[in-house]
């Protein structure tokens, strides 16, 4: 599974500590806007799986 691509994502915004380059906290605040023709449920699932694989996060620890 490749996850989300540039073709699906209209915009992505980071919030909180990621924006101000503050010390790392145990969360990621992101607003992801997908194009209207993309199934938002599938996009969310793909993002969760990709994030978990990239950062080696167990699914049970993923905050939704």
N, C-alpha and C. Protein backbone atom coordinates (compact mmCIF):
# COMPACT_ATOMS: atom_id res chain seq x y z
N UNK A 1 0.85 -1.18 0.00
CA UNK A 1 0.00 0.00 0.00
C UNK A 1 0.89 1.24 0.00
N UNK A 2 0.68 2.11 -0.93
CA UNK A 2 1.51 3.30 -1.07
C UNK A 2 1.05 4.46 -0.22
N UNK A 3 -0.16 4.42 0.32
CA UNK A 3 -0.66 5.54 1.09
C UNK A 3 -1.19 6.64 0.18
N UNK A 4 -1.34 7.81 0.74
CA UNK A 4 -1.87 8.93 -0.02
C UNK A 4 -0.81 9.50 -0.94
N UNK A 5 -1.26 9.99 -2.08
CA UNK A 5 -0.33 10.60 -3.03
C UNK A 5 -0.69 12.07 -3.23
N UNK A 6 0.14 12.76 -3.96
CA UNK A 6 -0.11 14.17 -4.24
C UNK A 6 -1.38 14.35 -5.06
N UNK A 7 -1.79 13.33 -5.78
CA UNK A 7 -3.01 13.40 -6.59
C UNK A 7 -4.27 13.43 -5.74
N UNK A 8 -4.19 12.94 -4.50
CA UNK A 8 -5.35 12.86 -3.63
C UNK A 8 -5.43 14.02 -2.65
N UNK A 9 -4.29 14.57 -2.26
CA UNK A 9 -4.23 15.59 -1.22
C UNK A 9 -4.27 16.98 -1.83
N UNK A 10 -5.27 17.77 -1.44
CA UNK A 10 -5.38 19.15 -1.91
C UNK A 10 -4.49 20.07 -1.08
N UNK A 11 -4.44 19.84 0.24
CA UNK A 11 -3.62 20.67 1.14
C UNK A 11 -3.41 19.93 2.45
N UNK A 12 -2.31 20.25 3.11
CA UNK A 12 -2.02 19.69 4.43
C UNK A 12 -1.42 20.79 5.29
N UNK A 13 -1.91 20.91 6.51
CA UNK A 13 -1.46 21.95 7.42
C UNK A 13 -1.01 21.32 8.74
N UNK A 14 0.15 21.73 9.24
CA UNK A 14 0.63 21.28 10.53
C UNK A 14 0.29 22.31 11.59
N UNK A 15 -0.01 21.84 12.80
CA UNK A 15 -0.36 22.73 13.90
C UNK A 15 0.52 22.41 15.11
N UNK A 16 0.47 23.26 16.10
CA UNK A 16 1.13 23.00 17.38
C UNK A 16 2.64 23.04 17.31
N UNK A 17 3.28 22.12 18.04
CA UNK A 17 4.73 22.14 18.18
C UNK A 17 5.45 21.94 16.85
N UNK A 18 4.84 21.26 15.91
CA UNK A 18 5.47 21.05 14.61
C UNK A 18 5.67 22.36 13.86
N UNK A 19 4.80 23.31 14.08
CA UNK A 19 4.86 24.59 13.37
C UNK A 19 5.94 25.49 13.95
N UNK A 20 6.04 25.53 15.26
CA UNK A 20 6.97 26.47 15.89
C UNK A 20 8.32 25.85 16.22
N UNK A 21 8.55 24.63 15.72
CA UNK A 21 9.82 23.94 15.93
C UNK A 21 10.13 23.74 17.42
N UNK A 22 9.10 23.49 18.20
CA UNK A 22 9.22 23.26 19.64
C UNK A 22 9.68 21.83 19.91
N UNK A 23 10.02 21.52 21.15
CA UNK A 23 10.39 20.14 21.48
C UNK A 23 9.27 19.17 21.11
N UNK A 24 9.67 17.97 20.80
CA UNK A 24 8.72 16.95 20.34
C UNK A 24 7.77 16.57 21.46
N UNK A 25 6.50 16.49 21.12
CA UNK A 25 5.48 15.95 22.01
C UNK A 25 4.94 14.69 21.35
N UNK A 26 4.15 13.95 22.06
CA UNK A 26 3.69 12.67 21.54
C UNK A 26 2.42 12.77 20.72
N UNK A 27 2.37 13.74 19.84
CA UNK A 27 1.22 13.82 18.95
C UNK A 27 1.63 14.52 17.66
N UNK A 28 0.77 14.43 16.69
CA UNK A 28 0.96 15.11 15.42
C UNK A 28 -0.35 15.77 15.07
N UNK A 29 -0.34 17.07 14.99
CA UNK A 29 -1.55 17.82 14.66
C UNK A 29 -1.48 18.19 13.19
N UNK A 30 -2.35 17.60 12.39
CA UNK A 30 -2.35 17.86 10.96
C UNK A 30 -3.78 17.92 10.45
N UNK A 31 -4.02 18.89 9.59
CA UNK A 31 -5.30 18.99 8.89
C UNK A 31 -5.02 18.61 7.45
N UNK A 32 -5.66 17.56 6.99
CA UNK A 32 -5.45 17.05 5.65
C UNK A 32 -6.72 17.25 4.85
N UNK A 33 -6.63 17.97 3.76
CA UNK A 33 -7.78 18.20 2.89
C UNK A 33 -7.59 17.41 1.61
N UNK A 34 -8.52 16.50 1.35
CA UNK A 34 -8.45 15.71 0.12
C UNK A 34 -9.42 16.29 -0.90
N UNK A 35 -9.20 15.98 -2.15
CA UNK A 35 -10.08 16.46 -3.21
C UNK A 35 -11.47 15.85 -3.04
N UNK A 36 -12.52 16.54 -3.50
CA UNK A 36 -13.91 16.09 -3.28
C UNK A 36 -14.22 14.69 -3.81
N UNK A 37 -13.53 14.26 -4.86
CA UNK A 37 -13.85 12.95 -5.44
C UNK A 37 -13.14 11.79 -4.73
N UNK A 38 -12.37 12.08 -3.69
CA UNK A 38 -11.65 11.05 -2.95
C UNK A 38 -12.49 10.60 -1.76
N UNK A 39 -12.58 9.29 -1.55
CA UNK A 39 -13.31 8.75 -0.40
C UNK A 39 -12.53 9.09 0.87
N UNK A 40 -13.11 9.91 1.72
CA UNK A 40 -12.42 10.40 2.91
C UNK A 40 -12.10 9.28 3.90
N UNK A 41 -12.95 8.27 3.98
CA UNK A 41 -12.69 7.15 4.89
C UNK A 41 -11.47 6.35 4.44
N UNK A 42 -11.35 6.11 3.15
CA UNK A 42 -10.19 5.39 2.64
C UNK A 42 -8.94 6.24 2.79
N UNK A 43 -9.04 7.54 2.54
CA UNK A 43 -7.89 8.44 2.70
C UNK A 43 -7.41 8.42 4.15
N UNK A 44 -8.32 8.45 5.10
CA UNK A 44 -7.95 8.42 6.52
C UNK A 44 -7.25 7.10 6.86
N UNK A 45 -7.81 6.01 6.37
CA UNK A 45 -7.22 4.69 6.61
C UNK A 45 -5.80 4.62 6.03
N UNK A 46 -5.64 5.08 4.78
CA UNK A 46 -4.32 5.07 4.14
C UNK A 46 -3.32 5.92 4.92
N UNK A 47 -3.74 7.08 5.37
CA UNK A 47 -2.86 7.96 6.14
C UNK A 47 -2.44 7.29 7.45
N UNK A 48 -3.38 6.66 8.14
CA UNK A 48 -3.07 5.98 9.41
C UNK A 48 -2.08 4.85 9.20
N UNK A 49 -2.30 4.04 8.19
CA UNK A 49 -1.41 2.91 7.91
C UNK A 49 -0.02 3.41 7.54
N UNK A 50 0.06 4.40 6.65
CA UNK A 50 1.35 4.93 6.22
C UNK A 50 2.11 5.53 7.39
N UNK A 51 1.41 6.30 8.22
CA UNK A 51 2.05 6.92 9.40
C UNK A 51 2.56 5.85 10.35
N UNK A 52 1.76 4.84 10.60
CA UNK A 52 2.16 3.76 11.51
C UNK A 52 3.39 3.03 10.99
N UNK A 53 3.43 2.76 9.69
CA UNK A 53 4.57 2.05 9.11
C UNK A 53 5.82 2.92 9.12
N UNK A 54 5.67 4.18 8.80
CA UNK A 54 6.81 5.09 8.74
C UNK A 54 7.46 5.27 10.10
N UNK A 55 6.64 5.46 11.13
CA UNK A 55 7.15 5.76 12.47
C UNK A 55 7.15 4.56 13.41
N UNK A 56 6.85 3.37 12.87
CA UNK A 56 6.84 2.13 13.65
C UNK A 56 5.94 2.24 14.88
N UNK A 57 4.73 2.74 14.67
CA UNK A 57 3.74 2.89 15.74
C UNK A 57 2.80 1.70 15.69
N UNK A 58 2.58 1.09 16.83
CA UNK A 58 1.61 0.00 16.88
C UNK A 58 0.22 0.59 16.73
N UNK A 59 -0.64 -0.13 16.03
CA UNK A 59 -1.99 0.36 15.75
C UNK A 59 -2.75 0.71 17.02
N UNK A 60 -2.58 -0.06 18.09
CA UNK A 60 -3.30 0.20 19.33
C UNK A 60 -2.94 1.56 19.93
N UNK A 61 -1.76 2.08 19.62
CA UNK A 61 -1.32 3.34 20.20
C UNK A 61 -1.67 4.55 19.33
N UNK A 62 -2.25 4.31 18.18
CA UNK A 62 -2.62 5.41 17.29
C UNK A 62 -3.84 6.12 17.85
N UNK A 63 -3.74 7.40 18.04
CA UNK A 63 -4.87 8.20 18.53
C UNK A 63 -5.65 8.69 17.33
N UNK A 64 -6.93 8.49 17.37
CA UNK A 64 -7.77 8.88 16.23
C UNK A 64 -8.71 9.97 16.62
